[in-house]
């Protein structure tokens, strides 16, 4: 897995916040990819 860019991690954070923190890594990454961003790692999700 390639490293997520700062743009990817920011988009992931925005999705995480809009879900109230109740989102799985798989669901988050699916939404990111559908929106044209790269996936994030479990470690990134933990930092959110």
N, C-alpha and C. Protein backbone atom coordinates (compact mmCIF):
# COMPACT_ATOMS: atom_id res chain seq x y z
N UNK A 1 0.85 -1.18 0.00
CA UNK A 1 0.00 0.00 0.00
C UNK A 1 0.89 1.24 0.00
N UNK A 2 0.62 2.13 -0.90
CA UNK A 2 1.37 3.39 -0.95
C UNK A 2 0.93 4.29 0.20
N UNK A 3 1.82 5.17 0.56
CA UNK A 3 1.49 6.12 1.63
C UNK A 3 0.43 7.10 1.13
N UNK A 4 -0.49 7.41 1.99
CA UNK A 4 -1.52 8.40 1.67
C UNK A 4 -0.88 9.78 1.68
N UNK A 5 -1.35 10.63 0.81
CA UNK A 5 -0.86 12.00 0.77
C UNK A 5 -1.56 12.82 1.85
N UNK A 6 -1.05 13.98 2.16
CA UNK A 6 -1.76 14.85 3.12
C UNK A 6 -3.18 15.16 2.64
N UNK A 7 -3.37 15.28 1.33
CA UNK A 7 -4.70 15.52 0.77
C UNK A 7 -5.64 14.34 1.08
N UNK A 8 -5.12 13.11 0.95
CA UNK A 8 -5.91 11.91 1.24
C UNK A 8 -6.28 11.84 2.71
N UNK A 9 -5.29 12.12 3.58
CA UNK A 9 -5.56 12.03 5.01
C UNK A 9 -6.55 13.10 5.47
N UNK A 10 -6.48 14.28 4.86
CA UNK A 10 -7.43 15.34 5.22
C UNK A 10 -8.85 14.96 4.78
N UNK A 11 -8.97 14.42 3.58
CA UNK A 11 -10.28 13.99 3.10
C UNK A 11 -10.82 12.87 3.99
N UNK A 12 -9.94 11.97 4.40
CA UNK A 12 -10.35 10.90 5.31
C UNK A 12 -10.82 11.44 6.65
N UNK A 13 -10.10 12.42 7.16
CA UNK A 13 -10.50 13.03 8.43
C UNK A 13 -11.87 13.70 8.30
N UNK A 14 -12.10 14.38 7.20
CA UNK A 14 -13.40 15.02 6.99
C UNK A 14 -14.52 13.98 6.96
N UNK A 15 -14.28 12.86 6.28
CA UNK A 15 -15.28 11.79 6.24
C UNK A 15 -15.48 11.18 7.63
N UNK A 16 -14.40 10.98 8.34
CA UNK A 16 -14.45 10.43 9.70
C UNK A 16 -15.29 11.32 10.60
N UNK A 17 -15.02 12.62 10.54
CA UNK A 17 -15.78 13.57 11.37
C UNK A 17 -17.25 13.61 10.98
N UNK A 18 -17.53 13.59 9.68
CA UNK A 18 -18.93 13.65 9.25
C UNK A 18 -19.70 12.40 9.66
N UNK A 19 -18.97 11.30 9.88
CA UNK A 19 -19.60 10.06 10.35
C UNK A 19 -19.64 9.99 11.88
N UNK A 20 -19.19 11.03 12.54
CA UNK A 20 -19.18 11.05 14.00
C UNK A 20 -18.20 10.04 14.58
N UNK A 21 -17.22 9.64 13.79
CA UNK A 21 -16.23 8.68 14.27
C UNK A 21 -16.68 7.24 14.17
N UNK A 22 -17.90 7.04 13.73
CA UNK A 22 -18.46 5.68 13.64
C UNK A 22 -18.35 5.17 12.21
N UNK A 23 -17.12 4.86 11.78
CA UNK A 23 -16.90 4.35 10.43
C UNK A 23 -15.73 3.38 10.47
N UNK A 24 -15.87 2.28 9.76
CA UNK A 24 -14.78 1.31 9.72
C UNK A 24 -13.73 1.75 8.69
N UNK A 25 -12.55 1.20 8.81
CA UNK A 25 -11.47 1.51 7.87
C UNK A 25 -11.88 1.14 6.45
N UNK A 26 -12.51 -0.01 6.29
CA UNK A 26 -12.94 -0.44 4.95
C UNK A 26 -13.95 0.53 4.34
N UNK A 27 -14.91 0.95 5.13
CA UNK A 27 -15.92 1.89 4.63
C UNK A 27 -15.30 3.25 4.31
N UNK A 28 -14.41 3.70 5.17
CA UNK A 28 -13.74 4.97 4.95
C UNK A 28 -12.93 4.93 3.66
N UNK A 29 -12.14 3.89 3.49
CA UNK A 29 -11.32 3.78 2.29
C UNK A 29 -12.16 3.63 1.03
N UNK A 30 -13.27 2.93 1.13
CA UNK A 30 -14.16 2.80 -0.02
C UNK A 30 -14.68 4.17 -0.46
N UNK A 31 -15.09 4.97 0.51
CA UNK A 31 -15.59 6.31 0.20
C UNK A 31 -14.48 7.20 -0.35
N UNK A 32 -13.28 7.08 0.20
CA UNK A 32 -12.16 7.87 -0.29
C UNK A 32 -11.84 7.54 -1.75
N UNK A 33 -11.75 6.26 -2.06
CA UNK A 33 -11.42 5.84 -3.42
C UNK A 33 -12.51 6.27 -4.40
N UNK A 34 -13.76 6.12 -4.01
CA UNK A 34 -14.87 6.55 -4.87
C UNK A 34 -14.82 8.05 -5.15
N UNK A 35 -14.27 8.82 -4.21
CA UNK A 35 -14.18 10.27 -4.36
C UNK A 35 -12.88 10.70 -5.04
N UNK A 36 -12.04 9.73 -5.42
CA UNK A 36 -10.82 10.06 -6.13
C UNK A 36 -9.60 10.25 -5.26
N UNK A 37 -9.66 9.83 -4.01
CA UNK A 37 -8.53 9.93 -3.09
C UNK A 37 -7.90 8.56 -2.91
N UNK A 38 -6.73 8.54 -2.30
CA UNK A 38 -6.08 7.28 -1.97
C UNK A 38 -6.55 6.77 -0.62
N UNK A 39 -6.41 5.47 -0.39
CA UNK A 39 -6.80 4.89 0.89
C UNK A 39 -5.81 5.26 1.99
N UNK A 40 -6.29 5.20 3.22
CA UNK A 40 -5.45 5.47 4.38
C UNK A 40 -5.23 4.17 5.14
N UNK A 41 -4.20 4.14 5.97
CA UNK A 41 -3.86 2.97 6.76
C UNK A 41 -4.61 2.98 8.10
N UNK A 42 -4.61 1.83 8.74
CA UNK A 42 -5.22 1.70 10.06
C UNK A 42 -4.60 2.70 11.03
N UNK A 43 -3.31 2.88 10.93
CA UNK A 43 -2.62 3.81 11.83
C UNK A 43 -3.18 5.23 11.68
N UNK A 44 -3.46 5.64 10.45
CA UNK A 44 -4.03 6.97 10.22
C UNK A 44 -5.40 7.07 10.86
N UNK A 45 -6.21 6.04 10.71
CA UNK A 45 -7.54 6.05 11.32
C UNK A 45 -7.41 6.18 12.85
N UNK A 46 -6.44 5.51 13.43
CA UNK A 46 -6.22 5.59 14.87
C UNK A 46 -5.86 7.02 15.29
N UNK A 47 -5.12 7.72 14.47
CA UNK A 47 -4.74 9.09 14.78
C UNK A 47 -5.92 10.06 14.68
N UNK A 48 -6.93 9.71 13.88
CA UNK A 48 -8.10 10.59 13.78
C UNK A 48 -8.80 10.67 15.11
